[in-house]
Amino acid sequence: MSAESKDRLWQNTLERLRQLDAVWENGDARREALNACRDWLSAQTSLARLAELARLLTPEITRQQFWSVLVPVERQVARCKVTDVDILDADLPQEQTPAASILPLTVVADSLRSAFNIGGIFRTAECFGVKELILCGYTALPEQPQTARAALGTERLVPWRYVEDIRRAIAELQAAKTPCFALETVADAPAIETFDWPFPCALILGNERFGLAPDVIQACDGVVRIPLFGRKNSLNVVTAFAVTAHTLRLRHDA
């Protein structure tokens, strides 16, 4: 099969999965679209990976499990077509080195959909001296071209590791006496600027659309929020992380 034909198949797959995603809340429409999508994928015998996707589209699949199918397809179609990452890439001169110490903060990112967002998190973590990143679930890894391009080399400067299950990552951090705090839009949670941050600590970031699962939040040692004043009740995950990282850097260095 030619590269052009493969690209066309991946694009068709993405369109069908997005159509399914659009009707997800309608039970009857979801079942019909799910069956149609699975049957179409099963028929694409010229590309084995599509048949593998078909087996994942079971009638019992949850929305978040479905996204673990959709997201890799989006990345396959997009490949290296990342934009807006080269707007500003200004390093310190070679003879200069950052003066600040390492911020004793571990950032845990669970199933972030966007490779661009993960690249932005690496860039932000490097700017504020974050100790470590832990990537969980279907979060894009730095080996993926989109992530690496958006990270602008910071994936080589910030230590990181992959832990498939965020619950295990949290348990391991807590066993090492590192308290974990979920960043979520919870109305009665303390604000990041008034919270008494202990160091070292870990900041837990959730999926762009679903946030963190309730049991993951319960597993954390606390929940913090960024006070917002507009009609929208959430920030882009990279923006939210940047605001919080800046607050923690100031608190740590005070």
Protein backbone atom coordinates (compact mmCIF):
# COMPACT_ATOMS: atom_id res chain seq x y z
CA MET A 1 0.00 0.00 0.00
CA SER A 2 1.30 3.44 -0.91
CA ALA A 3 2.01 6.06 1.75
CA GLU A 4 -0.75 8.21 0.27
CA SER A 5 -3.27 5.38 0.60
CA LYS A 6 -2.27 4.78 4.21
CA ASP A 7 -2.65 8.47 4.99
CA ARG A 8 -6.12 8.44 3.45
CA LEU A 9 -7.13 5.42 5.53
CA TRP A 10 -5.94 7.06 8.75
CA GLN A 11 -7.80 10.25 7.87
CA ASN A 12 -11.01 8.29 7.19
CA THR A 13 -10.57 6.47 10.49
CA LEU A 14 -10.20 9.74 12.35
CA GLU A 15 -13.32 11.18 10.73
CA ARG A 16 -15.38 8.12 11.71
CA LEU A 17 -14.09 8.14 15.29
CA ARG A 18 -14.85 11.85 15.61
CA GLN A 19 -18.37 11.25 14.32
CA LEU A 20 -18.78 8.62 17.03
CA ASP A 21 -17.40 11.02 19.64
CA ALA A 22 -19.88 13.71 18.55
CA VAL A 23 -22.92 11.48 19.25
CA TRP A 24 -21.55 9.79 22.36
CA GLU A 25 -24.13 11.28 24.74
CA ASN A 26 -27.01 9.82 22.68
CA GLY A 27 -27.14 6.13 23.63
CA ASP A 28 -28.92 4.85 20.50
CA ALA A 29 -26.85 6.97 18.13
CA ARG A 30 -23.67 5.92 19.93
CA ARG A 31 -24.45 2.22 19.59
CA GLU A 32 -25.25 2.60 15.90
CA ALA A 33 -22.11 4.65 15.20
CA LEU A 34 -19.97 2.31 17.30
CA ASN A 35 -21.12 -0.76 15.39
CA ALA A 36 -20.67 0.97 12.04
CA CYS A 37 -17.20 2.19 12.97
CA ARG A 38 -16.11 -1.23 14.25
CA ASP A 39 -17.40 -2.98 11.12
CA TRP A 40 -15.62 -0.49 8.86
CA LEU A 41 -12.33 -0.84 10.75
CA SER A 42 -12.57 -4.64 10.66
CA ALA A 43 -12.90 -4.51 6.89
CA GLN A 44 -9.64 -2.54 6.47
CA THR A 45 -7.51 -5.66 6.16
CA SER A 46 -4.80 -3.82 4.24
CA LEU A 47 -3.75 -2.05 7.45
CA ALA A 48 -3.49 -4.41 10.41
CA ARG A 49 -3.43 -1.64 13.01
CA LEU A 50 -6.96 -0.61 12.07
CA ALA A 51 -8.26 -4.13 12.67
CA GLU A 52 -6.60 -3.97 16.10
CA LEU A 53 -8.53 -0.76 16.83
CA ALA A 54 -11.78 -2.50 15.84
CA ARG A 55 -11.29 -5.07 18.60
CA LEU A 56 -11.12 -2.28 21.18
CA LEU A 57 -14.51 -0.82 20.22
CA THR A 58 -16.59 -3.14 22.37
CA PRO A 59 -20.18 -2.28 23.37
CA GLU A 60 -18.96 -1.82 26.98
CA ILE A 61 -16.27 0.73 26.14
CA THR A 62 -16.33 3.86 28.32
CA ARG A 63 -15.83 7.40 27.04
CA GLN A 64 -12.34 7.60 28.47
CA GLN A 65 -11.41 4.19 27.03
CA PHE A 66 -12.74 5.37 23.68
CA TRP A 67 -10.47 8.40 23.88
CA SER A 68 -7.50 6.08 24.33
CA VAL A 69 -8.42 4.81 20.84
CA LEU A 70 -9.16 8.23 19.34
CA VAL A 71 -6.09 10.09 20.59
CA PRO A 72 -3.41 7.89 18.95
CA VAL A 73 -5.30 8.14 15.66
CA GLU A 74 -5.32 11.94 15.94
CA ARG A 75 -1.58 11.87 16.51
CA GLN A 76 -1.04 9.51 13.57
CA VAL A 77 -2.94 11.84 11.26
CA ALA A 78 -1.29 14.98 12.57
CA ARG A 79 2.20 13.47 12.79
CA CYS A 80 4.65 16.37 12.82
CA LYS A 81 2.19 19.08 11.86
CA VAL A 82 2.62 21.06 15.06
CA THR A 83 2.25 24.82 14.75
CA ASP A 84 2.89 27.80 17.00
CA VAL A 85 5.80 26.16 18.82
CA ASP A 86 8.50 28.28 17.23
CA ILE A 87 7.03 31.66 18.11
CA LEU A 88 9.68 32.23 20.77
CA ASP A 89 12.62 29.98 21.50
CA ALA A 90 15.09 32.19 23.34
CA ASP A 91 17.74 30.37 25.35
CA LEU A 92 20.21 31.97 27.72
CA PRO A 93 23.60 32.69 26.14
CA GLN A 94 26.01 29.76 26.30
CA GLU A 95 28.16 31.44 28.95
CA GLN A 96 25.22 31.87 31.30
CA THR A 97 23.53 29.21 33.39
CA PRO A 98 20.28 29.44 35.38
CA ALA A 99 20.98 30.59 38.92
CA ALA A 100 17.93 29.06 40.61
CA SER A 101 18.05 25.75 42.43
CA ILE A 102 15.93 22.78 41.51
CA LEU A 103 12.32 23.18 42.64
CA PRO A 104 11.49 20.05 44.71
CA LEU A 105 8.28 19.48 42.77
CA THR A 106 7.23 16.37 40.87
CA VAL A 107 4.54 16.88 38.24
CA VAL A 108 2.31 13.93 37.35
CA ALA A 109 0.32 14.19 34.11
CA ASP A 110 -2.47 11.66 33.57
CA SER A 111 -3.74 10.84 30.07
CA LEU A 112 -3.19 14.25 28.52
CA ARG A 113 -4.70 14.17 25.06
CA SER A 114 -2.53 16.76 23.36
CA ALA A 115 1.11 16.16 22.49
CA PHE A 116 1.38 19.94 22.11
CA ASN A 117 0.26 20.35 25.74
CA ILE A 118 2.84 17.84 26.96
CA GLY A 119 5.54 19.72 25.08
CA GLY A 120 4.33 22.91 26.76
CA ILE A 121 4.46 21.23 30.16
CA PHE A 122 8.07 20.19 29.54
CA ARG A 123 8.96 23.77 28.55
CA THR A 124 7.21 25.21 31.61
CA ALA A 125 8.77 22.63 33.94
CA GLU A 126 12.23 23.49 32.66
CA CYS A 127 11.64 27.23 33.04
CA PHE A 128 10.68 26.87 36.72
CA GLY A 129 13.25 24.20 37.60
CA VAL A 130 10.81 21.35 38.27
CA LYS A 131 12.53 18.26 39.63
CA GLU A 132 10.73 15.57 37.62
CA LEU A 133 7.80 14.76 35.35
CA ILE A 134 5.86 11.50 35.56
CA LEU A 135 3.70 10.71 32.52
CA CYS A 136 0.77 8.32 32.93
CA GLY A 137 -1.98 6.68 30.91
CA TYR A 138 -2.06 7.61 27.23
CA THR A 139 -0.11 10.83 27.70
CA ALA A 140 2.14 11.48 24.71
CA LEU A 141 5.79 10.65 25.39
CA PRO A 142 8.81 12.73 24.33
CA GLU A 143 9.77 10.07 21.76
CA GLN A 144 6.79 11.19 19.71
CA PRO A 145 7.77 13.83 17.13
CA GLN A 146 4.95 16.23 18.03
CA THR A 147 5.85 16.21 21.71
CA ALA A 148 9.56 16.65 21.06
CA ARG A 149 9.01 19.49 18.63
CA ALA A 150 6.70 21.34 21.04
CA ALA A 151 9.11 20.75 23.94
CA LEU A 152 11.96 22.45 22.02
CA GLY A 153 14.64 20.29 23.59
CA THR A 154 13.43 20.61 27.19
CA GLU A 155 12.51 16.91 27.17
CA ARG A 156 16.28 16.34 27.39
CA LEU A 157 16.67 18.76 30.30
CA VAL A 158 13.81 17.72 32.61
CA PRO A 159 14.02 14.21 34.11
CA TRP A 160 10.93 12.20 33.29
CA ARG A 161 9.58 8.67 33.49
CA TYR A 162 6.47 6.78 32.46
CA VAL A 163 4.14 5.00 34.90
CA GLU A 164 1.11 3.49 33.20
CA ASP A 165 -1.32 3.74 36.14
CA ILE A 166 -1.48 7.11 37.88
CA ARG A 167 -2.68 5.41 41.05
CA ARG A 168 0.58 3.50 41.26
CA ALA A 169 2.54 6.70 40.60
CA ILE A 170 0.76 8.45 43.47
CA ALA A 171 1.26 5.49 45.80
CA GLU A 172 4.98 5.37 45.00
CA LEU A 173 5.38 9.09 45.67
CA GLN A 174 3.49 8.86 48.95
CA ALA A 175 5.59 5.86 50.01
CA ALA A 176 8.63 8.09 49.44
CA LYS A 177 7.09 10.72 51.77
CA THR A 178 6.13 13.02 48.90
CA PRO A 179 2.58 14.34 49.41
CA CYS A 180 0.46 14.63 46.26
CA PHE A 181 -1.94 17.47 45.51
CA ALA A 182 -4.52 17.43 42.72
CA LEU A 183 -5.00 20.63 40.72
CA GLU A 184 -8.73 20.72 40.03
CA THR A 185 -11.69 23.11 39.76
CA VAL A 186 -13.16 22.20 43.14
CA ALA A 187 -15.11 25.11 44.63
CA ASP A 188 -14.16 24.63 48.28
CA ALA A 189 -10.52 23.66 47.67
CA PRO A 190 -7.85 26.06 48.98
CA ALA A 191 -6.39 28.51 46.48
CA ILE A 192 -2.84 27.84 45.31
CA GLU A 193 -1.58 31.19 46.64
CA THR A 194 -2.91 30.64 50.17
CA PHE A 195 -2.17 26.92 50.44
CA ASP A 196 0.63 25.91 52.81
CA TRP A 197 2.79 24.01 50.33
CA PRO A 198 5.17 21.44 51.80
CA PHE A 199 8.39 20.64 49.98
CA PRO A 200 9.06 18.25 48.40
CA CYS A 201 5.59 17.66 46.95
CA ALA A 202 3.85 16.48 43.79
CA LEU A 203 1.28 18.25 41.61
CA ILE A 204 -1.25 16.03 39.84
CA LEU A 205 -2.65 17.18 36.48
CA GLY A 206 -5.61 15.52 34.76
CA ASN A 207 -6.95 15.02 31.26
CA GLU A 208 -7.91 18.20 29.38
CA ARG A 209 -11.57 17.21 29.14
CA PHE A 210 -12.27 14.77 31.95
CA GLY A 211 -9.90 16.06 34.60
CA LEU A 212 -8.89 13.58 37.29
CA ALA A 213 -11.03 10.58 38.20
CA PRO A 214 -12.77 10.86 41.60
CA ASP A 215 -10.81 7.94 43.04
CA VAL A 216 -7.54 9.54 41.92
CA ILE A 217 -8.49 12.78 43.68
CA GLN A 218 -9.36 10.79 46.81
CA ALA A 219 -5.96 9.08 46.67
CA CYS A 220 -4.21 12.46 46.79
CA ASP A 221 -3.28 14.21 50.02
CA GLY A 222 -5.29 17.27 49.06
CA VAL A 223 -6.85 19.33 46.27
CA VAL A 224 -5.93 22.88 45.27
CA ARG A 225 -7.48 25.29 42.79
CA ILE A 226 -6.69 28.45 40.86
CA PRO A 227 -9.30 31.13 41.64
CA LEU A 228 -10.98 32.23 38.42
CA PHE A 229 -13.11 35.30 37.80
CA GLY A 230 -14.63 34.83 34.35
CA ARG A 231 -17.57 32.82 33.05
CA LYS A 232 -15.34 29.93 32.07
CA ASN A 233 -14.37 27.71 34.97
CA SER A 234 -11.14 26.24 33.69
CA LEU A 235 -7.80 27.05 32.08
CA ASN A 236 -5.78 25.19 29.49
CA VAL A 237 -3.72 22.59 31.37
CA VAL A 238 -0.40 24.19 30.40
CA THR A 239 -1.59 27.62 31.50
CA ALA A 240 -2.89 26.22 34.79
CA PHE A 241 0.40 24.44 35.39
CA ALA A 242 2.41 27.58 34.59
CA VAL A 243 0.38 29.68 37.04
CA THR A 244 0.80 27.05 39.74
CA ALA A 245 4.50 26.44 39.06
CA HIS A 246 5.18 30.17 39.32
CA THR A 247 3.36 30.28 42.66
CA LEU A 248 5.32 27.30 44.01
CA ARG A 249 8.63 28.74 42.80
CA LEU A 250 7.98 32.01 44.64
CA ARG A 251 6.83 30.17 47.77
CA HIS A 252 9.86 27.86 47.75
CA ASP A 253 12.36 30.69 47.23
CA ALA A 254 10.80 33.07 49.73
